[in-house]
Amino acid sequence: DALAEIGITGMTVSEVKGYGRQKGHSELYR
């Protein structure tokens, strides 16, 4: 929405996965 306000109407959006300093987290499953 913020980009549309300044006139940017075209973009490509992808769902990706990654990590950096955030390093992920632990989860409990079964």
PDB file of all heavy atoms in Angstrom:
ATOM      1  N   ASP A   1       0.824  -1.210   0.000  1.00  0.00           N
ATOM      2  CA  ASP A   1       0.000   0.000   0.000  1.00  0.00           C
ATOM      3  C   ASP A   1       0.862   1.267   0.000  1.00  0.00           C
ATOM      4  O   ASP A   1       0.559   2.234  -0.708  1.00  0.00           O
ATOM      5  CB  ASP A   1      -0.944   0.003   1.204  1.00  0.00           C
ATOM      6  CG  ASP A   1      -2.008  -1.082   1.115  1.00  0.00           C
ATOM      7  OD1 ASP A   1      -2.224  -1.634   0.013  1.00  0.00           O
ATOM      8  OD2 ASP A   1      -2.618  -1.396   2.162  1.00  0.00           O
ATOM      9  N   ALA A   2       1.940   1.259   0.786  1.00  0.00           N
ATOM     10  CA  ALA A   2       2.825   2.425   0.843  1.00  0.00           C
ATOM     11  C   ALA A   2       3.507   2.653  -0.504  1.00  0.00           C
ATOM     12  O   ALA A   2       3.648   3.792  -0.958  1.00  0.00           O
ATOM     13  CB  ALA A   2       3.863   2.241   1.948  1.00  0.00           C
ATOM     14  N   LEU A   3       3.913   1.576  -1.169  1.00  0.00           N
ATOM     15  CA  LEU A   3       4.541   1.712  -2.491  1.00  0.00           C
ATOM     16  C   LEU A   3       3.535   2.196  -3.532  1.00  0.00           C
ATOM     17  O   LEU A   3       3.876   2.995  -4.408  1.00  0.00           O
ATOM     18  CB  LEU A   3       5.169   0.388  -2.923  1.00  0.00           C
ATOM     19  CG  LEU A   3       6.441  -0.015  -2.174  1.00  0.00           C
ATOM     20  CD1 LEU A   3       6.815  -1.453  -2.502  1.00  0.00           C
ATOM     21  CD2 LEU A   3       7.586   0.936  -2.495  1.00  0.00           C
ATOM     22  N   ALA A   4       2.306   1.738  -3.447  1.00  0.00           N
ATOM     23  CA  ALA A   4       1.269   2.193  -4.374  1.00  0.00           C
ATOM     24  C   ALA A   4       1.040   3.695  -4.236  1.00  0.00           C
ATOM     25  O   ALA A   4       0.796   4.378  -5.229  1.00  0.00           O
ATOM     26  CB  ALA A   4      -0.023   1.421  -4.145  1.00  0.00           C
ATOM     27  N   GLU A   5       1.144   4.207  -3.018  1.00  0.00           N
ATOM     28  CA  GLU A   5       0.949   5.643  -2.782  1.00  0.00           C
ATOM     29  C   GLU A   5       2.006   6.500  -3.470  1.00  0.00           C
ATOM     30  O   GLU A   5       1.738   7.645  -3.810  1.00  0.00           O
ATOM     31  CB  GLU A   5       0.942   5.944  -1.283  1.00  0.00           C
ATOM     32  CG  GLU A   5      -0.333   5.516  -0.588  1.00  0.00           C
ATOM     33  CD  GLU A   5      -0.309   5.832   0.898  1.00  0.00           C
ATOM     34  OE1 GLU A   5       0.489   6.705   1.323  1.00  0.00           O
ATOM     35  OE2 GLU A   5      -1.090   5.207   1.626  1.00  0.00           O
ATOM     36  N   ILE A   6       3.204   5.937  -3.683  1.00  0.00           N
ATOM     37  CA  ILE A   6       4.251   6.720  -4.359  1.00  0.00           C
ATOM     38  C   ILE A   6       4.342   6.365  -5.843  1.00  0.00           C
ATOM     39  O   ILE A   6       5.262   6.788  -6.527  1.00  0.00           O
ATOM     40  CB  ILE A   6       5.623   6.567  -3.667  1.00  0.00           C
ATOM     41  CG1 ILE A   6       6.140   5.130  -3.738  1.00  0.00           C
ATOM     42  CG2 ILE A   6       5.576   7.080  -2.247  1.00  0.00           C
ATOM     43  CD1 ILE A   6       7.609   4.987  -3.382  1.00  0.00           C
ATOM     44  N   GLY A   7       3.401   5.545  -6.339  1.00  0.00           N
ATOM     45  CA  GLY A   7       3.324   5.278  -7.769  1.00  0.00           C
ATOM     46  C   GLY A   7       3.945   3.980  -8.241  1.00  0.00           C
ATOM     47  O   GLY A   7       4.052   3.755  -9.447  1.00  0.00           O
ATOM     48  N   ILE A   8       4.353   3.118  -7.332  1.00  0.00           N
ATOM     49  CA  ILE A   8       4.898   1.815  -7.720  1.00  0.00           C
ATOM     50  C   ILE A   8       3.737   0.840  -7.834  1.00  0.00           C
ATOM     51  O   ILE A   8       3.115   0.492  -6.836  1.00  0.00           O
ATOM     52  CB  ILE A   8       5.933   1.297  -6.698  1.00  0.00           C
ATOM     53  CG1 ILE A   8       7.059   2.306  -6.496  1.00  0.00           C
ATOM     54  CG2 ILE A   8       6.470  -0.071  -7.122  1.00  0.00           C
ATOM     55  CD1 ILE A   8       7.846   2.623  -7.744  1.00  0.00           C
ATOM     56  N   THR A   9       3.436   0.426  -9.053  1.00  0.00           N
ATOM     57  CA  THR A   9       2.261  -0.427  -9.257  1.00  0.00           C
ATOM     58  C   THR A   9       2.611  -1.844  -9.658  1.00  0.00           C
ATOM     59  O   THR A   9       1.774  -2.726  -9.581  1.00  0.00           O
ATOM     60  CB  THR A   9       1.360   0.177 -10.349  1.00  0.00           C
ATOM     61  OG1 THR A   9       2.137   0.349 -11.541  1.00  0.00           O
ATOM     62  CG2 THR A   9       0.810   1.514  -9.906  1.00  0.00           C
ATOM     63  N   GLY A  10       3.836  -2.089 -10.091  1.00  0.00           N
ATOM     64  CA  GLY A  10       4.209  -3.421 -10.521  1.00  0.00           C
ATOM     65  C   GLY A  10       5.300  -3.999  -9.647  1.00  0.00           C
ATOM     66  O   GLY A  10       6.278  -3.326  -9.333  1.00  0.00           O
ATOM     67  N   MET A  11       5.117  -5.229  -9.231  1.00  0.00           N
ATOM     68  CA  MET A  11       6.129  -5.919  -8.441  1.00  0.00           C
ATOM     69  C   MET A  11       5.878  -7.410  -8.500  1.00  0.00           C
ATOM     70  O   MET A  11       4.793  -7.854  -8.858  1.00  0.00           O
ATOM     71  CB  MET A  11       6.128  -5.437  -6.992  1.00  0.00           C
ATOM     72  CG  MET A  11       4.871  -5.787  -6.211  1.00  0.00           C
ATOM     73  SD  MET A  11       4.820  -5.063  -4.578  1.00  0.00           S
ATOM     74  CE  MET A  11       4.579  -3.347  -4.960  1.00  0.00           C
ATOM     75  N   THR A  12       6.888  -8.173  -8.157  1.00  0.00           N
ATOM     76  CA  THR A  12       6.769  -9.618  -8.039  1.00  0.00           C
ATOM     77  C   THR A  12       6.952  -9.964  -6.578  1.00  0.00           C
ATOM     78  O   THR A  12       7.873  -9.456  -5.928  1.00  0.00           O
ATOM     79  CB  THR A  12       7.854 -10.325  -8.879  1.00  0.00           C
ATOM     80  OG1 THR A  12       7.703  -9.933 -10.236  1.00  0.00           O
ATOM     81  CG2 THR A  12       7.730 -11.833  -8.774  1.00  0.00           C
ATOM     82  N   VAL A  13       6.070 -10.808  -6.062  1.00  0.00           N
ATOM     83  CA  VAL A  13       6.121 -11.189  -4.654  1.00  0.00           C
ATOM     84  C   VAL A  13       6.248 -12.705  -4.561  1.00  0.00           C
ATOM     85  O   VAL A  13       5.507 -13.430  -5.222  1.00  0.00           O
ATOM     86  CB  VAL A  13       4.856 -10.711  -3.903  1.00  0.00           C
ATOM     87  CG1 VAL A  13       4.859 -11.180  -2.465  1.00  0.00           C
ATOM     88  CG2 VAL A  13       4.740  -9.196  -3.977  1.00  0.00           C
ATOM     89  N   SER A  14       7.194 -13.166  -3.750  1.00  0.00           N
ATOM     90  CA  SER A  14       7.418 -14.599  -3.561  1.00  0.00           C
ATOM     91  C   SER A  14       7.439 -14.919  -2.077  1.00  0.00           C
ATOM     92  O   SER A  14       7.929 -14.128  -1.271  1.00  0.00           O
ATOM     93  CB  SER A  14       8.770 -15.020  -4.145  1.00  0.00           C
ATOM     94  OG  SER A  14       8.899 -14.624  -5.478  1.00  0.00           O
ATOM     95  N   GLU A  15       6.927 -16.097  -1.736  1.00  0.00           N
ATOM     96  CA  GLU A  15       7.065 -16.592  -0.370  1.00  0.00           C
ATOM     97  C   GLU A  15       8.384 -17.344  -0.314  1.00  0.00           C
ATOM     98  O   GLU A  15       8.609 -18.272  -1.087  1.00  0.00           O
ATOM     99  CB  GLU A  15       5.907 -17.516  -0.016  1.00  0.00           C
ATOM    100  CG  GLU A  15       4.584 -16.796   0.074  1.00  0.00           C
ATOM    101  CD  GLU A  15       3.432 -17.721   0.439  1.00  0.00           C
ATOM    102  OE1 GLU A  15       3.676 -18.897   0.789  1.00  0.00           O
ATOM    103  OE2 GLU A  15       2.294 -17.259   0.380  1.00  0.00           O
ATOM    104  N   VAL A  16       9.259 -16.928   0.586  1.00  0.00           N
ATOM    105  CA  VAL A  16      10.580 -17.539   0.711  1.00  0.00           C
ATOM    106  C   VAL A  16      10.830 -17.895   2.172  1.00  0.00           C
ATOM    107  O   VAL A  16      10.043 -17.548   3.055  1.00  0.00           O
ATOM    108  CB  VAL A  16      11.690 -16.593   0.184  1.00  0.00           C
ATOM    109  CG1 VAL A  16      11.522 -16.338  -1.304  1.00  0.00           C
ATOM    110  CG2 VAL A  16      11.705 -15.284   0.945  1.00  0.00           C
ATOM    111  N   LYS A  17      11.917 -18.593   2.411  1.00  0.00           N
ATOM    112  CA  LYS A  17      12.329 -18.903   3.774  1.00  0.00           C
ATOM    113  C   LYS A  17      13.784 -18.527   3.919  1.00  0.00           C
ATOM    114  O   LYS A  17      14.556 -18.618   2.968  1.00  0.00           O
ATOM    115  CB  LYS A  17      12.154 -20.395   4.074  1.00  0.00           C
ATOM    116  CG  LYS A  17      10.711 -20.805   4.119  1.00  0.00           C
ATOM    117  CD  LYS A  17      10.580 -22.245   4.513  1.00  0.00           C
ATOM    118  CE  LYS A  17       9.095 -22.584   4.544  1.00  0.00           C
ATOM    119  NZ  LYS A  17       8.835 -23.800   5.251  1.00  0.00           N
ATOM    120  N   GLY A  18      14.162 -18.105   5.108  1.00  0.00           N
ATOM    121  CA  GLY A  18      15.546 -17.743   5.324  1.00  0.00           C
ATOM    122  C   GLY A  18      15.822 -17.472   6.786  1.00  0.00           C
ATOM    123  O   GLY A  18      14.921 -17.521   7.625  1.00  0.00           O
ATOM    124  N   TYR A  19      17.085 -17.203   7.059  1.00  0.00           N
ATOM    125  CA  TYR A  19      17.459 -16.792   8.394  1.00  0.00           C
ATOM    126  C   TYR A  19      18.734 -15.977   8.339  1.00  0.00           C
ATOM    127  O   TYR A  19      19.502 -16.054   7.387  1.00  0.00           O
ATOM    128  CB  TYR A  19      17.618 -17.978   9.345  1.00  0.00           C
ATOM    129  CG  TYR A  19      18.875 -18.786   9.158  1.00  0.00           C
ATOM    130  CD1 TYR A  19      20.009 -18.516   9.916  1.00  0.00           C
ATOM    131  CD2 TYR A  19      18.937 -19.804   8.234  1.00  0.00           C
ATOM    132  CE1 TYR A  19      21.166 -19.254   9.762  1.00  0.00           C
ATOM    133  CE2 TYR A  19      20.082 -20.549   8.061  1.00  0.00           C
ATOM    134  CZ  TYR A  19      21.195 -20.271   8.828  1.00  0.00           C
ATOM    135  OH  TYR A  19      22.336 -21.001   8.655  1.00  0.00           O
ATOM    136  N   GLY A  20      18.910 -15.178   9.349  1.00  0.00           N
ATOM    137  CA  GLY A  20      20.108 -14.369   9.494  1.00  0.00           C
ATOM    138  C   GLY A  20      20.425 -14.331  10.968  1.00  0.00           C
ATOM    139  O   GLY A  20      20.534 -15.370  11.615  1.00  0.00           O
ATOM    140  N   ARG A  21      20.472 -13.148  11.514  1.00  0.00           N
ATOM    141  CA  ARG A  21      20.727 -13.019  12.950  1.00  0.00           C
ATOM    142  C   ARG A  21      19.581 -13.557  13.782  1.00  0.00           C
ATOM    143  O   ARG A  21      19.749 -13.885  14.939  1.00  0.00           O
ATOM    144  CB  ARG A  21      20.963 -11.561  13.309  1.00  0.00           C
ATOM    145  CG  ARG A  21      22.258 -11.042  12.765  1.00  0.00           C
ATOM    146  CD  ARG A  21      22.524  -9.655  13.249  1.00  0.00           C
ATOM    147  NE  ARG A  21      23.760  -9.170  12.647  1.00  0.00           N
ATOM    148  CZ  ARG A  21      24.058  -7.904  12.557  1.00  0.00           C
ATOM    149  NH1 ARG A  21      23.234  -6.994  13.008  1.00  0.00           N
ATOM    150  NH2 ARG A  21      25.183  -7.536  12.016  1.00  0.00           N
ATOM    151  N   GLN A  22      18.408 -13.647  13.187  1.00  0.00           N
ATOM    152  CA  GLN A  22      17.229 -14.129  13.904  1.00  0.00           C
ATOM    153  C   GLN A  22      17.389 -15.591  14.306  1.00  0.00           C
ATOM    154  O   GLN A  22      16.878 -16.025  15.312  1.00  0.00           O
ATOM    155  CB  GLN A  22      15.996 -13.946  13.016  1.00  0.00           C
ATOM    156  CG  GLN A  22      14.690 -13.944  13.752  1.00  0.00           C
ATOM    157  CD  GLN A  22      13.539 -13.578  12.823  1.00  0.00           C
ATOM    158  OE1 GLN A  22      13.704 -13.406  11.626  1.00  0.00           O
ATOM    159  NE2 GLN A  22      12.376 -13.463  13.388  1.00  0.00           N
ATOM    160  N   LYS A  23      18.090 -16.376  13.514  1.00  0.00           N
ATOM    161  CA  LYS A  23      18.507 -17.747  13.791  1.00  0.00           C
ATOM    162  C   LYS A  23      17.403 -18.782  13.939  1.00  0.00           C
ATOM    163  O   LYS A  23      17.677 -19.918  14.197  1.00  0.00           O
ATOM    164  CB  LYS A  23      19.371 -17.809  15.066  1.00  0.00           C
ATOM    165  CG  LYS A  23      20.606 -16.990  15.027  1.00  0.00           C
ATOM    166  CD  LYS A  23      21.726 -17.727  14.364  1.00  0.00           C
ATOM    167  CE  LYS A  23      23.032 -17.062  14.668  1.00  0.00           C
ATOM    168  NZ  LYS A  23      23.711 -16.476  13.635  1.00  0.00           N
ATOM    169  N   GLY A  24      16.158 -18.450  13.809  1.00  0.00           N
ATOM    170  CA  GLY A  24      15.104 -19.447  13.948  1.00  0.00           C
ATOM    171  C   GLY A  24      14.683 -19.601  15.396  1.00  0.00           C
ATOM    172  O   GLY A  24      15.009 -18.798  16.258  1.00  0.00           O
ATOM    173  N   HIS A  25      13.936 -20.676  15.661  1.00  0.00           N
ATOM    174  CA  HIS A  25      13.436 -20.912  17.010  1.00  0.00           C
ATOM    175  C   HIS A  25      13.134 -22.394  17.197  1.00  0.00           C
ATOM    176  O   HIS A  25      13.100 -23.158  16.244  1.00  0.00           O
ATOM    177  CB  HIS A  25      12.183 -20.068  17.262  1.00  0.00           C
ATOM    178  CG  HIS A  25      11.050 -20.383  16.338  1.00  0.00           C
ATOM    179  ND1 HIS A  25      10.964 -19.853  15.067  1.00  0.00           N
ATOM    180  CD2 HIS A  25       9.979 -21.195  16.483  1.00  0.00           C
ATOM    181  CE1 HIS A  25       9.870 -20.319  14.476  1.00  0.00           C
ATOM    182  NE2 HIS A  25       9.265 -21.133  15.306  1.00  0.00           N
ATOM    183  N   SER A  26      12.880 -22.797  18.441  1.00  0.00           N
ATOM    184  CA  SER A  26      12.536 -24.186  18.746  1.00  0.00           C
ATOM    185  C   SER A  26      11.029 -24.336  18.823  1.00  0.00           C
ATOM    186  O   SER A  26      10.330 -23.432  19.290  1.00  0.00           O
ATOM    187  CB  SER A  26      13.144 -24.610  20.081  1.00  0.00           C
ATOM    188  OG  SER A  26      14.543 -24.583  20.005  1.00  0.00           O
ATOM    189  N   GLU A  27      10.516 -25.476  18.369  1.00  0.00           N
ATOM    190  CA  GLU A  27       9.093 -25.785  18.464  1.00  0.00           C
ATOM    191  C   GLU A  27       8.932 -27.184  19.019  1.00  0.00           C
ATOM    192  O   GLU A  27       9.831 -28.014  18.930  1.00  0.00           O
ATOM    193  CB  GLU A  27       8.418 -25.677  17.094  1.00  0.00           C
ATOM    194  CG  GLU A  27       8.266 -24.265  16.600  1.00  0.00           C
ATOM    195  CD  GLU A  27       7.402 -24.151  15.362  1.00  0.00           C
ATOM    196  OE1 GLU A  27       6.819 -25.167  14.932  1.00  0.00           O
ATOM    197  OE2 GLU A  27       7.310 -23.048  14.822  1.00  0.00           O
ATOM    198  N   LEU A  28       7.766 -27.430  19.569  1.00  0.00           N
ATOM    199  CA  LEU A  28       7.442 -28.737  20.118  1.00  0.00           C
ATOM    200  C   LEU A  28       6.386 -29.380  19.238  1.00  0.00           C
ATOM    201  O   LEU A  28       5.359 -28.778  18.954  1.00  0.00           O
ATOM    202  CB  LEU A  28       6.899 -28.557  21.549  1.00  0.00           C
ATOM    203  CG  LEU A  28       6.941 -29.755  22.471  1.00  0.00           C
ATOM    204  CD1 LEU A  28       8.364 -30.251  22.648  1.00  0.00           C
ATOM    205  CD2 LEU A  28       6.356 -29.388  23.812  1.00  0.00           C
ATOM    206  N   TYR A  29       6.639 -30.603  18.758  1.00  0.00           N
ATOM    207  CA  TYR A  29       5.688 -31.315  17.914  1.00  0.00           C
ATOM    208  C   TYR A  29       5.601 -32.755  18.392  1.00  0.00           C
ATOM    209  O   TYR A  29       6.599 -33.477  18.398  1.00  0.00           O
ATOM    210  CB  TYR A  29       6.125 -31.261  16.445  1.00  0.00           C
ATOM    211  CG  TYR A  29       5.204 -31.985  15.510  1.00  0.00           C
ATOM    212  CD1 TYR A  29       3.941 -31.479  15.222  1.00  0.00           C
ATOM    213  CD2 TYR A  29       5.580 -33.185  14.933  1.00  0.00           C
ATOM    214  CE1 TYR A  29       3.087 -32.144  14.376  1.00  0.00           C
ATOM    215  CE2 TYR A  29       4.727 -33.870  14.080  1.00  0.00           C
ATOM    216  CZ  TYR A  29       3.480 -33.336  13.806  1.00  0.00           C
ATOM    217  OH  TYR A  29       2.627 -34.006  12.959  1.00  0.00           O
ATOM    218  N   ARG A  30       4.414 -33.154  18.831  1.00  0.00           N
ATOM    219  CA  ARG A  30       4.174 -34.507  19.347  1.00  0.00           C
ATOM    220  C   ARG A  30       5.195 -34.907  20.405  1.00  0.00           C
ATOM    221  O   ARG A  30       5.751 -35.999  20.393  1.00  0.00           O
ATOM    222  CB  ARG A  30       4.149 -35.525  18.217  1.00  0.00           C
ATOM    223  CG  ARG A  30       2.978 -35.317  17.283  1.00  0.00           C
ATOM    224  CD  ARG A  30       2.834 -36.456  16.328  1.00  0.00           C
ATOM    225  NE  ARG A  30       1.645 -36.237  15.505  1.00  0.00           N
ATOM    226  CZ  ARG A  30       1.246 -37.060  14.583  1.00  0.00           C
ATOM    227  NH1 ARG A  30       1.904 -38.173  14.342  1.00  0.00           N
ATOM    228  NH2 ARG A  30       0.176 -36.797  13.881  1.00  0.00           N
TER     229      ARG A  30
END
